Amino acid sequence: MRKVVDCREMPSEMNCSLAISGEEDEVVRAATEHAVSVHGHTDSKELRDQIRAGLKDELVLQHT
């Protein structure tokens, strides 16, 4: 199942609206890169663990 992480659910002074979805490892990698480059976090195991813990299943709407 695809996973999603949404910056709007994280405390931030930037009011970032980015959401990232995909396979779990892809999302953790991309979200870590975003957190470092945009939000000034340090890439660490703790950051990656925090991101992984915040992942949610992507809701897929099926059109009929």
PDB file of N, CA and C in Angstrom:
ATOM      1  N   MET A   1       0.834  -1.180   0.000  1.00  0.00           N
ATOM      2  CA  MET A   1       0.000   0.000   0.000  1.00  0.00           C
ATOM      3  C   MET A   1       0.878   1.243   0.000  1.00  0.00           C
ATOM      4  N   ARG A   2       0.494   2.220  -0.784  1.00  0.00           N
ATOM      5  CA  ARG A   2       1.225   3.486  -0.838  1.00  0.00           C
ATOM      6  C   ARG A   2       1.053   4.230   0.476  1.00  0.00           C
ATOM      7  N   LYS A   3       2.076   4.996   0.833  1.00  0.00           N
ATOM      8  CA  LYS A   3       2.073   5.786   2.064  1.00  0.00           C
ATOM      9  C   LYS A   3       2.111   7.268   1.708  1.00  0.00           C
ATOM     10  N   VAL A   4       1.688   8.091   2.662  1.00  0.00           N
ATOM     11  CA  VAL A   4       1.707   9.533   2.460  1.00  0.00           C
ATOM     12  C   VAL A   4       2.153  10.216   3.745  1.00  0.00           C
ATOM     13  N   VAL A   5       2.889  11.300   3.575  1.00  0.00           N
ATOM     14  CA  VAL A   5       3.231  12.183   4.690  1.00  0.00           C
ATOM     15  C   VAL A   5       2.881  13.597   4.236  1.00  0.00           C
ATOM     16  N   ASP A   6       2.332  14.381   5.147  1.00  0.00           N
ATOM     17  CA  ASP A   6       1.819  15.709   4.801  1.00  0.00           C
ATOM     18  C   ASP A   6       2.403  16.735   5.765  1.00  0.00           C
ATOM     19  N   CYS A   7       3.109  17.719   5.237  1.00  0.00           N
ATOM     20  CA  CYS A   7       3.732  18.750   6.070  1.00  0.00           C
ATOM     21  C   CYS A   7       2.703  19.537   6.882  1.00  0.00           C
ATOM     22  N   ARG A   8       1.484  19.610   6.402  1.00  0.00           N
ATOM     23  CA  ARG A   8       0.457  20.366   7.129  1.00  0.00           C
ATOM     24  C   ARG A   8       0.167  19.757   8.489  1.00  0.00           C
ATOM     25  N   GLU A   9       0.549  18.490   8.685  1.00  0.00           N
ATOM     26  CA  GLU A   9       0.305  17.814   9.956  1.00  0.00           C
ATOM     27  C   GLU A   9       1.469  17.970  10.923  1.00  0.00           C
ATOM     28  N   MET A  10       2.526  18.643  10.486  1.00  0.00           N
ATOM     29  CA  MET A  10       3.696  18.857  11.330  1.00  0.00           C
ATOM     30  C   MET A  10       3.740  20.315  11.772  1.00  0.00           C
ATOM     31  N   PRO A  11       4.166  20.568  13.019  1.00  0.00           N
ATOM     32  CA  PRO A  11       4.278  21.964  13.438  1.00  0.00           C
ATOM     33  C   PRO A  11       5.350  22.682  12.623  1.00  0.00           C
ATOM     34  N   SER A  12       5.012  23.851  12.092  1.00  0.00           N
ATOM     35  CA  SER A  12       5.950  24.585  11.257  1.00  0.00           C
ATOM     36  C   SER A  12       5.553  26.047  11.194  1.00  0.00           C
ATOM     37  N   GLU A  13       6.541  26.912  11.210  1.00  0.00           N
ATOM     38  CA  GLU A  13       6.288  28.339  11.057  1.00  0.00           C
ATOM     39  C   GLU A  13       6.093  28.704   9.590  1.00  0.00           C
ATOM     40  N   MET A  14       6.433  27.799   8.688  1.00  0.00           N
ATOM     41  CA  MET A  14       6.387  28.065   7.254  1.00  0.00           C
ATOM     42  C   MET A  14       5.017  27.803   6.643  1.00  0.00           C
ATOM     43  N   ASN A  15       4.142  27.129   7.371  1.00  0.00           N
ATOM     44  CA  ASN A  15       2.843  26.730   6.818  1.00  0.00           C
ATOM     45  C   ASN A  15       3.010  25.971   5.501  1.00  0.00           C
ATOM     46  N   CYS A  16       3.940  25.058   5.490  1.00  0.00           N
ATOM     47  CA  CYS A  16       4.249  24.253   4.308  1.00  0.00           C
ATOM     48  C   CYS A  16       3.058  23.351   3.985  1.00  0.00           C
ATOM     49  N   SER A  17       2.731  23.245   2.711  1.00  0.00           N
ATOM     50  CA  SER A  17       1.578  22.444   2.304  1.00  0.00           C
ATOM     51  C   SER A  17       1.957  21.217   1.478  1.00  0.00           C
ATOM     52  N   LEU A  18       3.238  20.869   1.462  1.00  0.00           N
ATOM     53  CA  LEU A  18       3.686  19.739   0.651  1.00  0.00           C
ATOM     54  C   LEU A  18       3.195  18.413   1.221  1.00  0.00           C
ATOM     55  N   ALA A  19       2.719  17.538   0.343  1.00  0.00           N
ATOM     56  CA  ALA A  19       2.391  16.160   0.684  1.00  0.00           C
ATOM     57  C   ALA A  19       3.169  15.265  -0.265  1.00  0.00           C
ATOM     58  N   ILE A  20       3.698  14.173   0.259  1.00  0.00           N
ATOM     59  CA  ILE A  20       4.498  13.243  -0.532  1.00  0.00           C
ATOM     60  C   ILE A  20       3.873  11.859  -0.396  1.00  0.00           C
ATOM     61  N   SER A  21       3.689  11.177  -1.525  1.00  0.00           N
ATOM     62  CA  SER A  21       3.132   9.823  -1.461  1.00  0.00           C
ATOM     63  C   SER A  21       3.918   8.893  -2.363  1.00  0.00           C
ATOM     64  N   GLY A  22       3.901   7.621  -2.005  1.00  0.00           N
ATOM     65  CA  GLY A  22       4.598   6.601  -2.770  1.00  0.00           C
ATOM     66  C   GLY A  22       4.873   5.401  -1.885  1.00  0.00           C
ATOM     67  N   GLU A  23       5.805   4.577  -2.315  1.00  0.00           N
ATOM     68  CA  GLU A  23       6.210   3.437  -1.501  1.00  0.00           C
ATOM     69  C   GLU A  23       6.913   3.955  -0.248  1.00  0.00           C
ATOM     70  N   GLU A  24       6.815   3.230   0.850  1.00  0.00           N
ATOM     71  CA  GLU A  24       7.299   3.711   2.151  1.00  0.00           C
ATOM     72  C   GLU A  24       8.729   4.242   2.114  1.00  0.00           C
ATOM     73  N   ASP A  25       9.663   3.476   1.573  1.00  0.00           N
ATOM     74  CA  ASP A  25      11.067   3.923   1.558  1.00  0.00           C
ATOM     75  C   ASP A  25      11.255   5.174   0.703  1.00  0.00           C
ATOM     76  N   GLU A  26      10.510   5.279  -0.398  1.00  0.00           N
ATOM     77  CA  GLU A  26      10.584   6.474  -1.251  1.00  0.00           C
ATOM     78  C   GLU A  26      10.099   7.712  -0.500  1.00  0.00           C
ATOM     79  N   VAL A  27       9.011   7.556   0.221  1.00  0.00           N
ATOM     80  CA  VAL A  27       8.434   8.684   0.950  1.00  0.00           C
ATOM     81  C   VAL A  27       9.371   9.131   2.066  1.00  0.00           C
ATOM     82  N   VAL A  28       9.923   8.178   2.805  1.00  0.00           N
ATOM     83  CA  VAL A  28      10.850   8.540   3.891  1.00  0.00           C
ATOM     84  C   VAL A  28      12.057   9.264   3.319  1.00  0.00           C
ATOM     85  N   ARG A  29      12.606   8.773   2.219  1.00  0.00           N
ATOM     86  CA  ARG A  29      13.774   9.406   1.604  1.00  0.00           C
ATOM     87  C   ARG A  29      13.443  10.823   1.135  1.00  0.00           C
ATOM     88  N   ALA A  30      12.346  10.980   0.406  1.00  0.00           N
ATOM     89  CA  ALA A  30      11.971  12.290  -0.128  1.00  0.00           C
ATOM     90  C   ALA A  30      11.589  13.264   0.988  1.00  0.00           C
ATOM     91  N   ALA A  31      10.869  12.773   1.990  1.00  0.00           N
ATOM     92  CA  ALA A  31      10.467  13.641   3.095  1.00  0.00           C
ATOM     93  C   ALA A  31      11.679  14.077   3.911  1.00  0.00           C
ATOM     94  N   THR A  32      12.658  13.199   4.059  1.00  0.00           N
ATOM     95  CA  THR A  32      13.884  13.559   4.764  1.00  0.00           C
ATOM     96  C   THR A  32      14.629  14.639   3.996  1.00  0.00           C
ATOM     97  N   GLU A  33      14.772  14.465   2.693  1.00  0.00           N
ATOM     98  CA  GLU A  33      15.440  15.475   1.871  1.00  0.00           C
ATOM     99  C   GLU A  33      14.716  16.811   1.963  1.00  0.00           C
ATOM    100  N   HIS A  34      13.383  16.784   1.948  1.00  0.00           N
ATOM    101  CA  HIS A  34      12.584  18.006   2.064  1.00  0.00           C
ATOM    102  C   HIS A  34      12.785  18.654   3.444  1.00  0.00           C
ATOM    103  N   ALA A  35      12.745  17.846   4.489  1.00  0.00           N
ATOM    104  CA  ALA A  35      12.896  18.377   5.847  1.00  0.00           C
ATOM    105  C   ALA A  35      14.256  19.040   6.030  1.00  0.00           C
ATOM    106  N   VAL A  36      15.282  18.473   5.418  1.00  0.00           N
ATOM    107  CA  VAL A  36      16.636  19.029   5.522  1.00  0.00           C
ATOM    108  C   VAL A  36      16.760  20.293   4.681  1.00  0.00           C
ATOM    109  N   SER A  37      16.368  20.227   3.412  1.00  0.00           N
ATOM    110  CA  SER A  37      16.609  21.353   2.495  1.00  0.00           C
ATOM    111  C   SER A  37      15.670  22.526   2.714  1.00  0.00           C
ATOM    112  N   VAL A  38      14.435  22.265   3.125  1.00  0.00           N
ATOM    113  CA  VAL A  38      13.458  23.340   3.263  1.00  0.00           C
ATOM    114  C   VAL A  38      13.288  23.787   4.716  1.00  0.00           C
ATOM    115  N   HIS A  39      13.267  22.827   5.624  1.00  0.00           N
ATOM    116  CA  HIS A  39      12.963  23.153   7.019  1.00  0.00           C
ATOM    117  C   HIS A  39      14.196  23.231   7.917  1.00  0.00           C
ATOM    118  N   GLY A  40      15.365  22.928   7.369  1.00  0.00           N
ATOM    119  CA  GLY A  40      16.604  23.085   8.130  1.00  0.00           C
ATOM    120  C   GLY A  40      16.892  21.999   9.147  1.00  0.00           C
ATOM    121  N   HIS A  41      16.208  20.860   9.044  1.00  0.00           N
ATOM    122  CA  HIS A  41      16.492  19.743   9.954  1.00  0.00           C
ATOM    123  C   HIS A  41      17.812  19.081   9.570  1.00  0.00           C
ATOM    124  N   THR A  42      18.359  18.325  10.489  1.00  0.00           N
ATOM    125  CA  THR A  42      19.563  17.547  10.233  1.00  0.00           C
ATOM    126  C   THR A  42      19.157  16.124   9.890  1.00  0.00           C
ATOM    127  N   ASP A  43      19.739  15.589   8.806  1.00  0.00           N
ATOM    128  CA  ASP A  43      19.446  14.210   8.421  1.00  0.00           C
ATOM    129  C   ASP A  43      20.010  13.279   9.483  1.00  0.00           C
ATOM    130  N   SER A  44      19.136  12.521  10.111  1.00  0.00           N
ATOM    131  CA  SER A  44      19.566  11.597  11.170  1.00  0.00           C
ATOM    132  C   SER A  44      18.607  10.417  11.214  1.00  0.00           C
ATOM    133  N   LYS A  45      19.030   9.381  11.899  1.00  0.00           N
ATOM    134  CA  LYS A  45      18.173   8.213  12.091  1.00  0.00           C
ATOM    135  C   LYS A  45      16.905   8.622  12.830  1.00  0.00           C
ATOM    136  N   GLU A  46      17.035   9.519  13.795  1.00  0.00           N
ATOM    137  CA  GLU A  46      15.882   9.969  14.566  1.00  0.00           C
ATOM    138  C   GLU A  46      14.865  10.687  13.674  1.00  0.00           C
ATOM    139  N   LEU A  47      15.351  11.543  12.775  1.00  0.00           N
ATOM    140  CA  LEU A  47      14.447  12.238  11.859  1.00  0.00           C
ATOM    141  C   LEU A  47      13.734  11.238  10.966  1.00  0.00           C
ATOM    142  N   ARG A  48      14.472  10.298  10.408  1.00  0.00           N
ATOM    143  CA  ARG A  48      13.862   9.290   9.530  1.00  0.00           C
ATOM    144  C   ARG A  48      12.851   8.437  10.294  1.00  0.00           C
ATOM    145  N   ASP A  49      13.168   8.093  11.537  1.00  0.00           N
ATOM    146  CA  ASP A  49      12.237   7.321  12.364  1.00  0.00           C
ATOM    147  C   ASP A  49      10.968   8.121  12.647  1.00  0.00           C
ATOM    148  N   GLN A  50      11.117   9.426  12.902  1.00  0.00           N
ATOM    149  CA  GLN A  50       9.969  10.284  13.157  1.00  0.00           C
ATOM    150  C   GLN A  50       9.085  10.379  11.909  1.00  0.00           C
ATOM    151  N   ILE A  51       9.712  10.533  10.769  1.00  0.00           N
ATOM    152  CA  ILE A  51       8.955  10.592   9.519  1.00  0.00           C
ATOM    153  C   ILE A  51       8.236   9.272   9.284  1.00  0.00           C
ATOM    154  N   ARG A  52       8.952   8.164   9.451  1.00  0.00           N
ATOM    155  CA  ARG A  52       8.343   6.844   9.230  1.00  0.00           C
ATOM    156  C   ARG A  52       7.153   6.630  10.172  1.00  0.00           C
ATOM    157  N   ALA A  53       7.272   7.082  11.409  1.00  0.00           N
ATOM    158  CA  ALA A  53       6.185   6.920  12.381  1.00  0.00           C
ATOM    159  C   ALA A  53       4.958   7.752  11.994  1.00  0.00           C
ATOM    160  N   GLY A  54       5.164   8.829  11.247  1.00  0.00           N
ATOM    161  CA  GLY A  54       4.064   9.696  10.851  1.00  0.00           C
ATOM    162  C   GLY A  54       3.407   9.325   9.538  1.00  0.00           C
ATOM    163  N   LEU A  55       3.892   8.284   8.879  1.00  0.00           N
ATOM    164  CA  LEU A  55       3.306   7.868   7.602  1.00  0.00           C
ATOM    165  C   LEU A  55       1.896   7.339   7.792  1.00  0.00           C
ATOM    166  N   LYS A  56       1.062   7.622   6.821  1.00  0.00           N
ATOM    167  CA  LYS A  56      -0.302   7.111   6.820  1.00  0.00           C
ATOM    168  C   LYS A  56      -0.550   6.400   5.501  1.00  0.00           C
ATOM    169  N   ASP A  57      -1.498   5.486   5.511  1.00  0.00           N
ATOM    170  CA  ASP A  57      -1.895   4.837   4.268  1.00  0.00           C
ATOM    171  C   ASP A  57      -2.546   5.868   3.370  1.00  0.00           C
ATOM    172  N   GLU A  58      -2.201   5.815   2.092  1.00  0.00           N
ATOM    173  CA  GLU A  58      -2.799   6.738   1.130  1.00  0.00           C
ATOM    174  C   GLU A  58      -4.233   6.291   0.848  1.00  0.00           C
ATOM    175  N   LEU A  59      -5.147   7.221   0.948  1.00  0.00           N
ATOM    176  CA  LEU A  59      -6.530   6.924   0.618  1.00  0.00           C
ATOM    177  C   LEU A  59      -6.709   7.066  -0.883  1.00  0.00           C
ATOM    178  N   VAL A  60      -7.188   6.030  -1.502  1.00  0.00           N
ATOM    179  CA  VAL A  60      -7.383   6.042  -2.946  1.00  0.00           C
ATOM    180  C   VAL A  60      -8.873   6.065  -3.226  1.00  0.00           C
ATOM    181  N   LEU A  61      -9.294   7.095  -3.920  1.00  0.00           N
ATOM    182  CA  LEU A  61     -10.696   7.190  -4.311  1.00  0.00           C
ATOM    183  C   LEU A  61     -10.876   6.505  -5.653  1.00  0.00           C
ATOM    184  N   GLN A  62     -11.814   5.610  -5.708  1.00  0.00           N
ATOM    185  CA  GLN A  62     -12.085   4.928  -6.959  1.00  0.00           C
ATOM    186  C   GLN A  62     -13.254   5.599  -7.645  1.00  0.00           C
ATOM    187  N   HIS A  63     -13.071   5.898  -8.904  1.00  0.00           N
ATOM    188  CA  HIS A  63     -14.129   6.527  -9.696  1.00  0.00           C
ATOM    189  C   HIS A  63     -15.005   5.448 -10.307  1.00  0.00           C
ATOM    190  N   THR A  64     -16.279   5.675 -10.266  1.00  0.00           N
ATOM    191  CA  THR A  64     -17.193   4.686 -10.847  1.00  0.00           C
ATOM    192  C   THR A  64     -17.951   5.285 -12.000  1.00  0.00           C
TER     193      THR A  64
END
